[in-house]
PDB file of N, CA and C in Angstrom:
ATOM      1  N   MET A   1       0.848  -1.179   0.000  1.00  0.00           N
ATOM      2  CA  MET A   1       0.000   0.000   0.000  1.00  0.00           C
ATOM      3  C   MET A   1       0.892   1.241   0.000  1.00  0.00           C
ATOM      4  N   PRO A   2       0.647   2.179  -0.915  1.00  0.00           N
ATOM      5  CA  PRO A   2       1.483   3.372  -0.966  1.00  0.00           C
ATOM      6  C   PRO A   2       1.237   4.266   0.246  1.00  0.00           C
ATOM      7  N   SER A   3       2.256   5.020   0.600  1.00  0.00           N
ATOM      8  CA  SER A   3       2.119   5.922   1.736  1.00  0.00           C
ATOM      9  C   SER A   3       1.235   7.107   1.340  1.00  0.00           C
ATOM     10  N   PRO A   4       0.636   7.765   2.337  1.00  0.00           N
ATOM     11  CA  PRO A   4      -0.199   8.936   2.019  1.00  0.00           C
ATOM     12  C   PRO A   4       0.588  10.036   1.321  1.00  0.00           C
ATOM     13  N   ASN A   5       1.868  10.155   1.651  1.00  0.00           N
ATOM     14  CA  ASN A   5       2.685  11.183   1.027  1.00  0.00           C
ATOM     15  C   ASN A   5       2.864  10.929  -0.463  1.00  0.00           C
ATOM     16  N   SER A   6       3.043   9.658  -0.856  1.00  0.00           N
ATOM     17  CA  SER A   6       3.210   9.369  -2.275  1.00  0.00           C
ATOM     18  C   SER A   6       1.908   9.577  -3.035  1.00  0.00           C
ATOM     19  N   ARG A   7       0.778   9.281  -2.397  1.00  0.00           N
ATOM     20  CA  ARG A   7      -0.506   9.544  -3.060  1.00  0.00           C
ATOM     21  C   ARG A   7      -0.701  11.033  -3.266  1.00  0.00           C
ATOM     22  N   THR A   8      -0.298  11.835  -2.279  1.00  0.00           N
ATOM     23  CA  THR A   8      -0.427  13.282  -2.411  1.00  0.00           C
ATOM     24  C   THR A   8       0.466  13.794  -3.525  1.00  0.00           C
ATOM     25  N   ARG A   9       1.665  13.232  -3.632  1.00  0.00           N
ATOM     26  CA  ARG A   9       2.567  13.662  -4.704  1.00  0.00           C
ATOM     27  C   ARG A   9       1.990  13.343  -6.071  1.00  0.00           C
ATOM     28  N   HIS A  10       1.383  12.182  -6.211  1.00  0.00           N
ATOM     29  CA  HIS A  10       0.791  11.820  -7.501  1.00  0.00           C
ATOM     30  C   HIS A  10      -0.362  12.757  -7.848  1.00  0.00           C
ATOM     31  N   ARG A  11      -1.186  13.069  -6.854  1.00  0.00           N
ATOM     32  CA  ARG A  11      -2.301  13.988  -7.110  1.00  0.00           C
ATOM     33  C   ARG A  11      -1.800  15.373  -7.465  1.00  0.00           C
ATOM     34  N   THR A  12      -0.765  15.835  -6.767  1.00  0.00           N
ATOM     35  CA  THR A  12      -0.204  17.151  -7.056  1.00  0.00           C
ATOM     36  C   THR A  12       0.372  17.192  -8.467  1.00  0.00           C
ATOM     37  N   ALA A  13       1.069  16.144  -8.848  1.00  0.00           N
ATOM     38  CA  ALA A  13       1.651  16.092 -10.188  1.00  0.00           C
ATOM     39  C   ALA A  13       0.563  16.055 -11.256  1.00  0.00           C
ATOM     40  N   LEU A  14      -0.488  15.299 -11.024  1.00  0.00           N
ATOM     41  CA  LEU A  14      -1.581  15.227 -11.987  1.00  0.00           C
ATOM     42  C   LEU A  14      -2.278  16.568 -12.114  1.00  0.00           C
ATOM     43  N   GLN A  15      -2.541  17.206 -10.986  1.00  0.00           N
ATOM     44  CA  GLN A  15      -3.211  18.505 -11.020  1.00  0.00           C
ATOM     45  C   GLN A  15      -2.330  19.541 -11.709  1.00  0.00           C
ATOM     46  N   ALA A  16      -1.032  19.500 -11.470  1.00  0.00           N
ATOM     47  CA  ALA A  16      -0.126  20.451 -12.116  1.00  0.00           C
ATOM     48  C   ALA A  16      -0.083  20.223 -13.617  1.00  0.00           C
ATOM     49  N   GLY A  17      -0.064  18.969 -14.011  1.00  0.00           N
ATOM     50  CA  GLY A  17      -0.056  18.680 -15.442  1.00  0.00           C
ATOM     51  C   GLY A  17      -1.316  19.164 -16.132  1.00  0.00           C
ATOM     52  N   LEU A  18      -2.453  18.921 -15.504  1.00  0.00           N
ATOM     53  CA  LEU A  18      -3.718  19.375 -16.089  1.00  0.00           C
ATOM     54  C   LEU A  18      -3.810  20.891 -16.121  1.00  0.00           C
ATOM     55  N   SER A  19      -3.415  21.547 -15.034  1.00  0.00           N
ATOM     56  CA  SER A  19      -3.493  23.013 -14.987  1.00  0.00           C
ATOM     57  C   SER A  19      -2.559  23.650 -15.992  1.00  0.00           C
ATOM     58  N   SER A  20      -1.341  23.122 -16.096  1.00  0.00           N
ATOM     59  CA  SER A  20      -0.404  23.715 -17.055  1.00  0.00           C
ATOM     60  C   SER A  20      -0.863  23.482 -18.488  1.00  0.00           C
ATOM     61  N   GLU A  21      -1.494  22.353 -18.733  1.00  0.00           N
ATOM     62  CA  GLU A  21      -1.999  22.093 -20.083  1.00  0.00           C
ATOM     63  C   GLU A  21      -3.171  23.024 -20.412  1.00  0.00           C
ATOM     64  N   GLU A  22      -4.023  23.287 -19.426  1.00  0.00           N
ATOM     65  CA  GLU A  22      -5.140  24.211 -19.662  1.00  0.00           C
ATOM     66  C   GLU A  22      -4.630  25.611 -19.982  1.00  0.00           C
ATOM     67  N   VAL A  23      -3.692  26.080 -19.177  1.00  0.00           N
ATOM     68  CA  VAL A  23      -3.158  27.422 -19.402  1.00  0.00           C
ATOM     69  C   VAL A  23      -2.259  27.431 -20.631  1.00  0.00           C
ATOM     70  N   GLY A  24      -1.582  26.312 -20.880  1.00  0.00           N
ATOM     71  CA  GLY A  24      -0.687  26.227 -22.032  1.00  0.00           C
ATOM     72  C   GLY A  24      -1.404  26.313 -23.362  1.00  0.00           C
ATOM     73  N   THR A  25      -2.710  26.104 -23.372  1.00  0.00           N
ATOM     74  CA  THR A  25      -3.439  26.232 -24.632  1.00  0.00           C
ATOM     75  C   THR A  25      -3.437  27.672 -25.142  1.00  0.00           C
ATOM     76  N   LEU A  26      -3.103  28.614 -24.268  1.00  0.00           N
ATOM     77  CA  LEU A  26      -3.010  30.005 -24.730  1.00  0.00           C
ATOM     78  C   LEU A  26      -1.866  30.200 -25.712  1.00  0.00           C
ATOM     79  N   ARG A  27      -0.909  29.291 -25.744  1.00  0.00           N
ATOM     80  CA  ARG A  27       0.222  29.452 -26.662  1.00  0.00           C
ATOM     81  C   ARG A  27      -0.213  29.287 -28.117  1.00  0.00           C
ATOM     82  N   HIS A  28      -1.387  28.737 -28.329  1.00  0.00           N
ATOM     83  CA  HIS A  28      -1.888  28.539 -29.682  1.00  0.00           C
ATOM     84  C   HIS A  28      -2.736  29.721 -30.177  1.00  0.00           C
ATOM     85  N   THR A  29      -2.846  30.764 -29.369  1.00  0.00           N
ATOM     86  CA  THR A  29      -3.617  31.929 -29.798  1.00  0.00           C
ATOM     87  C   THR A  29      -2.779  32.779 -30.740  1.00  0.00           C
ATOM     88  N   GLU A  30      -3.438  33.688 -31.423  1.00  0.00           N
ATOM     89  CA  GLU A  30      -2.734  34.519 -32.398  1.00  0.00           C
ATOM     90  C   GLU A  30      -2.022  35.690 -31.752  1.00  0.00           C
ATOM     91  N   GLY A  31      -2.461  36.097 -30.577  1.00  0.00           N
ATOM     92  CA  GLY A  31      -1.805  37.214 -29.904  1.00  0.00           C
ATOM     93  C   GLY A  31      -0.509  36.775 -29.243  1.00  0.00           C
ATOM     94  N   VAL A  32       0.554  37.552 -29.475  1.00  0.00           N
ATOM     95  CA  VAL A  32       1.852  37.207 -28.902  1.00  0.00           C
ATOM     96  C   VAL A  32       1.820  37.345 -27.384  1.00  0.00           C
ATOM     97  N   ALA A  33       1.156  38.360 -26.879  1.00  0.00           N
ATOM     98  CA  ALA A  33       1.107  38.578 -25.431  1.00  0.00           C
ATOM     99  C   ALA A  33       0.387  37.425 -24.736  1.00  0.00           C
ATOM    100  N   ALA A  34      -0.695  36.959 -25.304  1.00  0.00           N
ATOM    101  CA  ALA A  34      -1.429  35.843 -24.704  1.00  0.00           C
ATOM    102  C   ALA A  34      -0.612  34.562 -24.759  1.00  0.00           C
ATOM    103  N   ALA A  35       0.121  34.353 -25.843  1.00  0.00           N
ATOM    104  CA  ALA A  35       0.958  33.154 -25.967  1.00  0.00           C
ATOM    105  C   ALA A  35       2.086  33.171 -24.943  1.00  0.00           C
ATOM    106  N   VAL A  36       2.732  34.315 -24.779  1.00  0.00           N
ATOM    107  CA  VAL A  36       3.805  34.433 -23.791  1.00  0.00           C
ATOM    108  C   VAL A  36       3.245  34.255 -22.389  1.00  0.00           C
ATOM    109  N   PHE A  37       2.095  34.838 -22.127  1.00  0.00           N
ATOM    110  CA  PHE A  37       1.437  34.688 -20.830  1.00  0.00           C
ATOM    111  C   PHE A  37       1.111  33.222 -20.567  1.00  0.00           C
ATOM    112  N   GLY A  38       0.591  32.524 -21.540  1.00  0.00           N
ATOM    113  CA  GLY A  38       0.234  31.113 -21.374  1.00  0.00           C
ATOM    114  C   GLY A  38       1.440  30.236 -21.094  1.00  0.00           C
ATOM    115  N   VAL A  39       2.523  30.447 -21.817  1.00  0.00           N
ATOM    116  CA  VAL A  39       3.738  29.652 -21.606  1.00  0.00           C
ATOM    117  C   VAL A  39       4.339  29.971 -20.240  1.00  0.00           C
ATOM    118  N   GLY A  40       4.372  31.234 -19.877  1.00  0.00           N
ATOM    119  CA  GLY A  40       4.932  31.626 -18.578  1.00  0.00           C
ATOM    120  C   GLY A  40       4.116  31.081 -17.415  1.00  0.00           C
ATOM    121  N   LEU A  41       2.814  31.164 -17.508  1.00  0.00           N
ATOM    122  CA  LEU A  41       1.968  30.659 -16.426  1.00  0.00           C
ATOM    123  C   LEU A  41       2.018  29.142 -16.337  1.00  0.00           C
ATOM    124  N   ALA A  42       2.041  28.476 -17.467  1.00  0.00           N
ATOM    125  CA  ALA A  42       2.137  27.013 -17.456  1.00  0.00           C
ATOM    126  C   ALA A  42       3.457  26.552 -16.850  1.00  0.00           C
ATOM    127  N   SER A  43       4.551  27.220 -17.193  1.00  0.00           N
ATOM    128  CA  SER A  43       5.839  26.829 -16.614  1.00  0.00           C
ATOM    129  C   SER A  43       5.905  27.142 -15.130  1.00  0.00           C
ATOM    130  N   SER A  44       5.273  28.223 -14.686  1.00  0.00           N
ATOM    131  CA  SER A  44       5.274  28.526 -13.252  1.00  0.00           C
ATOM    132  C   SER A  44       4.440  27.518 -12.464  1.00  0.00           C
ATOM    133  N   VAL A  45       3.352  27.033 -13.028  1.00  0.00           N
ATOM    134  CA  VAL A  45       2.556  26.001 -12.370  1.00  0.00           C
ATOM    135  C   VAL A  45       3.356  24.717 -12.238  1.00  0.00           C
ATOM    136  N   LEU A  46       4.055  24.327 -13.292  1.00  0.00           N
ATOM    137  CA  LEU A  46       4.881  23.120 -13.234  1.00  0.00           C
ATOM    138  C   LEU A  46       6.030  23.275 -12.247  1.00  0.00           C
ATOM    139  N   LEU A  47       6.675  24.423 -12.226  1.00  0.00           N
ATOM    140  CA  LEU A  47       7.762  24.675 -11.289  1.00  0.00           C
ATOM    141  C   LEU A  47       7.256  24.616  -9.854  1.00  0.00           C
ATOM    142  N   ASP A  48       6.107  25.230  -9.603  1.00  0.00           N
ATOM    143  CA  ASP A  48       5.524  25.218  -8.266  1.00  0.00           C
ATOM    144  C   ASP A  48       5.191  23.799  -7.820  1.00  0.00           C
ATOM    145  N   ALA A  49       4.596  23.034  -8.694  1.00  0.00           N
ATOM    146  CA  ALA A  49       4.150  21.694  -8.309  1.00  0.00           C
ATOM    147  C   ALA A  49       5.306  20.730  -8.127  1.00  0.00           C
ATOM    148  N   PHE A  50       6.232  20.722  -9.059  1.00  0.00           N
ATOM    149  CA  PHE A  50       7.267  19.696  -9.014  1.00  0.00           C
ATOM    150  C   PHE A  50       8.440  20.066  -8.125  1.00  0.00           C
ATOM    151  N   VAL A  51       8.852  21.314  -8.130  1.00  0.00           N
ATOM    152  CA  VAL A  51      10.010  21.678  -7.321  1.00  0.00           C
ATOM    153  C   VAL A  51       9.589  22.020  -5.897  1.00  0.00           C
ATOM    154  N   LEU A  52       8.603  22.859  -5.743  1.00  0.00           N
ATOM    155  CA  LEU A  52       8.227  23.288  -4.405  1.00  0.00           C
ATOM    156  C   LEU A  52       7.431  22.238  -3.647  1.00  0.00           C
ATOM    157  N   ARG A  53       6.343  21.774  -4.218  1.00  0.00           N
ATOM    158  CA  ARG A  53       5.425  20.920  -3.462  1.00  0.00           C
ATOM    159  C   ARG A  53       5.860  19.465  -3.347  1.00  0.00           C
ATOM    160  N   THR A  54       6.650  18.959  -4.273  1.00  0.00           N
ATOM    161  CA  THR A  54       7.043  17.557  -4.168  1.00  0.00           C
ATOM    162  C   THR A  54       8.481  17.369  -3.711  1.00  0.00           C
ATOM    163  N   VAL A  55       9.290  18.430  -3.710  1.00  0.00           N
ATOM    164  CA  VAL A  55      10.677  18.282  -3.281  1.00  0.00           C
ATOM    165  C   VAL A  55      10.973  19.161  -2.065  1.00  0.00           C
ATOM    166  N   LEU A  56      10.781  20.455  -2.208  1.00  0.00           N
ATOM    167  CA  LEU A  56      11.216  21.391  -1.184  1.00  0.00           C
ATOM    168  C   LEU A  56      10.378  21.313   0.093  1.00  0.00           C
ATOM    169  N   VAL A  57       9.068  21.326  -0.016  1.00  0.00           N
ATOM    170  CA  VAL A  57       8.212  21.308   1.180  1.00  0.00           C
ATOM    171  C   VAL A  57       8.375  20.018   1.987  1.00  0.00           C
ATOM    172  N   PRO A  58       8.334  18.822   1.383  1.00  0.00           N
ATOM    173  CA  PRO A  58       8.556  17.626   2.195  1.00  0.00           C
ATOM    174  C   PRO A  58       9.947  17.582   2.832  1.00  0.00           C
ATOM    175  N   ALA A  59      10.979  18.070   2.132  1.00  0.00           N
ATOM    176  CA  ALA A  59      12.327  18.066   2.701  1.00  0.00           C
ATOM    177  C   ALA A  59      12.413  19.003   3.899  1.00  0.00           C
ATOM    178  N   LEU A  60      11.828  20.190   3.784  1.00  0.00           N
ATOM    179  CA  LEU A  60      11.847  21.128   4.904  1.00  0.00           C
ATOM    180  C   LEU A  60      11.015  20.622   6.078  1.00  0.00           C
ATOM    181  N   MET A  61       9.898  19.978   5.789  1.00  0.00           N
ATOM    182  CA  MET A  61       9.090  19.432   6.877  1.00  0.00           C
ATOM    183  C   MET A  61       9.836  18.323   7.599  1.00  0.00           C
ATOM    184  N   HIS A  62      10.605  17.550   6.874  1.00  0.00           N
ATOM    185  CA  HIS A  62      11.410  16.508   7.513  1.00  0.00           C
ATOM    186  C   HIS A  62      12.501  17.128   8.386  1.00  0.00           C
ATOM    187  N   LEU A  63      13.133  18.194   7.899  1.00  0.00           N
ATOM    188  CA  LEU A  63      14.191  18.845   8.666  1.00  0.00           C
ATOM    189  C   LEU A  63      13.655  19.534   9.918  1.00  0.00           C
ATOM    190  N   PHE A  64      12.517  20.206   9.811  1.00  0.00           N
ATOM    191  CA  PHE A  64      11.979  20.965  10.943  1.00  0.00           C
ATOM    192  C   PHE A  64      11.297  20.075  11.980  1.00  0.00           C
ATOM    193  N   GLY A  65      10.836  18.909  11.570  1.00  0.00           N
ATOM    194  CA  GLY A  65      10.220  17.969  12.521  1.00  0.00           C
ATOM    195  C   GLY A  65       8.969  18.543  13.163  1.00  0.00           C
ATOM    196  N   SER A  66       8.917  18.489  14.498  1.00  0.00           N
ATOM    197  CA  SER A  66       7.710  18.947  15.204  1.00  0.00           C
ATOM    198  C   SER A  66       7.578  20.463  15.190  1.00  0.00           C
ATOM    199  N   ALA A  67       8.632  21.189  14.817  1.00  0.00           N
ATOM    200  CA  ALA A  67       8.542  22.649  14.737  1.00  0.00           C
ATOM    201  C   ALA A  67       7.610  23.095  13.612  1.00  0.00           C
ATOM    202  N   ASN A  68       7.254  22.190  12.707  1.00  0.00           N
ATOM    203  CA  ASN A  68       6.297  22.534  11.658  1.00  0.00           C
ATOM    204  C   ASN A  68       4.964  22.961  12.230  1.00  0.00           C
ATOM    205  N   TRP A  69       4.598  22.399  13.372  1.00  0.00           N
ATOM    206  CA  TRP A  69       3.273  22.603  13.933  1.00  0.00           C
ATOM    207  C   TRP A  69       3.280  23.577  15.093  1.00  0.00           C
ATOM    208  N   TRP A  70       4.379  24.335  15.291  1.00  0.00           N
ATOM    209  CA  TRP A  70       4.447  25.328  16.355  1.00  0.00           C
ATOM    210  C   TRP A  70       3.562  26.507  15.986  1.00  0.00           C
ATOM    211  N   LEU A  71       2.813  26.990  16.954  1.00  0.00           N
ATOM    212  CA  LEU A  71       1.915  28.110  16.740  1.00  0.00           C
ATOM    213  C   LEU A  71       2.230  29.183  17.769  1.00  0.00           C
ATOM    214  N   PRO A  72       2.513  30.413  17.351  1.00  0.00           N
ATOM    215  CA  PRO A  72       2.796  31.466  18.327  1.00  0.00           C
ATOM    216  C   PRO A  72       1.610  31.671  19.269  1.00  0.00           C
ATOM    217  N   GLY A  73       1.927  32.045  20.513  1.00  0.00           N
ATOM    218  CA  GLY A  73       0.897  32.194  21.541  1.00  0.00           C
ATOM    219  C   GLY A  73      -0.173  33.224  21.192  1.00  0.00           C
ATOM    220  N   TRP A  74       0.233  34.347  20.573  1.00  0.00           N
ATOM    221  CA  TRP A  74      -0.752  35.379  20.271  1.00  0.00           C
ATOM    222  C   TRP A  74      -1.729  34.904  19.196  1.00  0.00           C
ATOM    223  N   ILE A  75      -1.286  34.068  18.282  1.00  0.00           N
ATOM    224  CA  ILE A  75      -2.201  33.520  17.284  1.00  0.00           C
ATOM    225  C   ILE A  75      -3.107  32.477  17.931  1.00  0.00           C
ATOM    226  N   ASP A  76      -2.554  31.693  18.847  1.00  0.00           N
ATOM    227  CA  ASP A  76      -3.348  30.683  19.552  1.00  0.00           C
ATOM    228  C   ASP A  76      -4.467  31.333  20.358  1.00  0.00           C
ATOM    229  N   ARG A  77      -4.180  32.482  20.979  1.00  0.00           N
ATOM    230  CA  ARG A  77      -5.228  33.189  21.740  1.00  0.00           C
ATOM    231  C   ARG A  77      -6.258  33.822  20.811  1.00  0.00           C
ATOM    232  N   TRP A  78      -5.846  34.199  19.615  1.00  0.00           N
ATOM    233  CA  TRP A  78      -6.730  34.867  18.670  1.00  0.00           C
ATOM    234  C   TRP A  78      -7.669  33.886  17.975  1.00  0.00           C
ATOM    235  N   LEU A  79      -7.183  32.672  17.683  1.00  0.00           N
ATOM    236  CA  LEU A  79      -7.993  31.682  16.976  1.00  0.00           C
ATOM    237  C   LEU A  79      -9.029  31.052  17.902  1.00  0.00           C
ATOM    238  N   PRO A  80     -10.199  30.732  17.406  1.00  0.00           N
ATOM    239  CA  PRO A  80     -11.183  30.036  18.247  1.00  0.00           C
ATOM    240  C   PRO A  80     -10.755  28.593  18.481  1.00  0.00           C
ATOM    241  N   HIS A  81     -11.060  28.089  19.659  1.00  0.00           N
ATOM    242  CA  HIS A  81     -10.746  26.703  19.990  1.00  0.00           C
ATOM    243  C   HIS A  81     -11.970  25.850  19.700  1.00  0.00           C
ATOM    244  N   LEU A  82     -11.915  25.095  18.619  1.00  0.00           N
ATOM    245  CA  LEU A  82     -13.022  24.259  18.194  1.00  0.00           C
ATOM    246  C   LEU A  82     -12.698  22.809  18.496  1.00  0.00           C
ATOM    247  N   SER A  83     -13.729  22.045  18.795  1.00  0.00           N
ATOM    248  CA  SER A  83     -13.500  20.631  19.038  1.00  0.00           C
ATOM    249  C   SER A  83     -14.691  19.843  18.530  1.00  0.00           C
ATOM    250  N   VAL A  84     -14.403  18.674  18.013  1.00  0.00           N
ATOM    251  CA  VAL A  84     -15.457  17.810  17.494  1.00  0.00           C
ATOM    252  C   VAL A  84     -16.090  17.025  18.641  1.00  0.00           C
ATOM    253  N   GLU A  85     -15.263  16.620  19.575  1.00  0.00           N
ATOM    254  CA  GLU A  85     -15.735  15.842  20.716  1.00  0.00           C
ATOM    255  C   GLU A  85     -16.095  16.771  21.870  1.00  0.00           C
ATOM    256  N   PRO A  86     -17.039  16.357  22.724  1.00  0.00           N
ATOM    257  CA  PRO A  86     -17.342  17.181  23.899  1.00  0.00           C
ATOM    258  C   PRO A  86     -16.156  17.200  24.866  1.00  0.00           C
ATOM    259  N   ALA A  87     -16.153  18.186  25.769  1.00  0.00           N
ATOM    260  CA  ALA A  87     -15.037  18.358  26.692  1.00  0.00           C
ATOM    261  C   ALA A  87     -14.850  17.131  27.573  1.00  0.00           C
ATOM    262  N   ASP A  88     -15.910  16.613  28.152  1.00  0.00           N
ATOM    263  CA  ASP A  88     -15.802  15.364  28.901  1.00  0.00           C
ATOM    264  C   ASP A  88     -16.892  14.416  28.424  1.00  0.00           C
ATOM    265  N   GLU A  89     -16.647  13.147  28.573  1.00  0.00           N
ATOM    266  CA  GLU A  89     -17.556  12.156  28.014  1.00  0.00           C
ATOM    267  C   GLU A  89     -18.861  12.029  28.788  1.00  0.00           C
ATOM    268  N   ASP A  90     -18.873  12.485  30.035  1.00  0.00           N
ATOM    269  CA  ASP A  90     -20.094  12.379  30.846  1.00  0.00           C
ATOM    270  C   ASP A  90     -21.102  13.469  30.516  1.00  0.00           C
ATOM    271  N   ALA A  91     -20.665  14.508  29.868  1.00  0.00           N
ATOM    272  CA  ALA A  91     -21.568  15.606  29.549  1.00  0.00           C
ATOM    273  C   ALA A  91     -22.504  15.196  28.422  1.00  0.00           C
ATOM    274  N   ALA A  92     -23.760  15.139  28.735  1.00  0.00           N
ATOM    275  CA  ALA A  92     -24.771  14.796  27.733  1.00  0.00           C
ATOM    276  C   ALA A  92     -25.473  16.077  27.297  1.00  0.00           C
ATOM    277  N   PRO A  93     -25.934  16.139  26.078  1.00  0.00           N
ATOM    278  CA  PRO A  93     -26.655  17.333  25.641  1.00  0.00           C
ATOM    279  C   PRO A  93     -27.977  17.454  26.402  1.00  0.00           C
ATOM    280  N   ASP A  94     -28.464  18.680  26.529  1.00  0.00           N
ATOM    281  CA  ASP A  94     -29.735  18.920  27.216  1.00  0.00           C
ATOM    282  C   ASP A  94     -30.873  18.424  26.330  1.00  0.00           C
ATOM    283  N   LEU A  95     -31.466  17.322  26.708  1.00  0.00           N
ATOM    284  CA  LEU A  95     -32.581  16.757  25.968  1.00  0.00           C
ATOM    285  C   LEU A  95     -33.852  16.927  26.770  1.00  0.00           C
ATOM    286  N   PRO A  96     -34.972  17.089  26.106  1.00  0.00           N
ATOM    287  CA  PRO A  96     -36.229  17.201  26.851  1.00  0.00           C
ATOM    288  C   PRO A  96     -36.542  15.886  27.573  1.00  0.00           C
ATOM    289  N   THR A  97     -37.151  16.017  28.757  1.00  0.00           N
ATOM    290  CA  THR A  97     -37.461  14.826  29.551  1.00  0.00           C
ATOM    291  C   THR A  97     -38.733  14.140  29.068  1.00  0.00           C
ATOM    292  N   ARG A  98     -39.581  14.858  28.372  1.00  0.00           N
ATOM    293  CA  ARG A  98     -40.795  14.244  27.851  1.00  0.00           C
ATOM    294  C   ARG A  98     -40.874  14.566  26.358  1.00  0.00           C
ATOM    295  N   PRO A  99     -41.600  13.790  25.594  1.00  0.00           N
ATOM    296  CA  PRO A  99     -41.686  14.025  24.143  1.00  0.00           C
ATOM    297  C   PRO A  99     -42.325  15.381  23.840  1.00  0.00           C
ATOM    298  N   VAL A 100     -41.838  16.015  22.826  1.00  0.00           N
ATOM    299  CA  VAL A 100     -42.388  17.302  22.392  1.00  0.00           C
ATOM    300  C   VAL A 100     -43.197  17.033  21.143  1.00  0.00           C
ATOM    301  N   HIS A 101     -44.488  17.421  21.158  1.00  0.00           N
ATOM    302  CA  HIS A 101     -45.364  17.211  20.024  1.00  0.00           C
ATOM    303  C   HIS A 101     -45.641  18.534  19.340  1.00  0.00           C
ATOM    304  N   ALA A 102     -45.677  18.490  18.048  1.00  0.00           N
ATOM    305  CA  ALA A 102     -45.992  19.691  17.291  1.00  0.00           C
ATOM    306  C   ALA A 102     -47.485  19.958  17.384  1.00  0.00           C
ATOM    307  N   THR A 103     -47.817  21.217  17.475  1.00  0.00           N
ATOM    308  CA  THR A 103     -49.231  21.617  17.521  1.00  0.00           C
ATOM    309  C   THR A 103     -49.606  22.239  16.205  1.00  0.00           C
ATOM    310  N   ALA A 104     -50.833  22.003  15.799  1.00  0.00           N
ATOM    311  CA  ALA A 104     -51.323  22.571  14.545  1.00  0.00           C
ATOM    312  C   ALA A 104     -51.612  24.054  14.750  1.00  0.00           C
ATOM    313  N   PRO A 105     -51.320  24.879  13.757  1.00  0.00           N
ATOM    314  CA  PRO A 105     -51.609  26.327  13.900  1.00  0.00           C
ATOM    315  C   PRO A 105     -53.067  26.648  13.842  1.00  0.00           C
TER     316      PRO A 105
END
């Protein structure tokens, strides 16, 4: 079974190839400016995907280790603290003790 990182790399490479091909179609236009723009944007998408996202970012994350997930205190105080699970398992939601029936208007 492939690792999650290799699956992400394959998806990133596929998305970069598709995006660069979409933008690269501008090279077939008659305007020189649009053709240059299309080639430049397509090459920047490929450079971003293959050099940055599949080589540089994983290498830096490996080097930094747990420091990747460090969050400054002032940002931690500013962000809301959300949780999927309740604070303690004994806390039950407030439910009605008797059935509630809808009344006709």
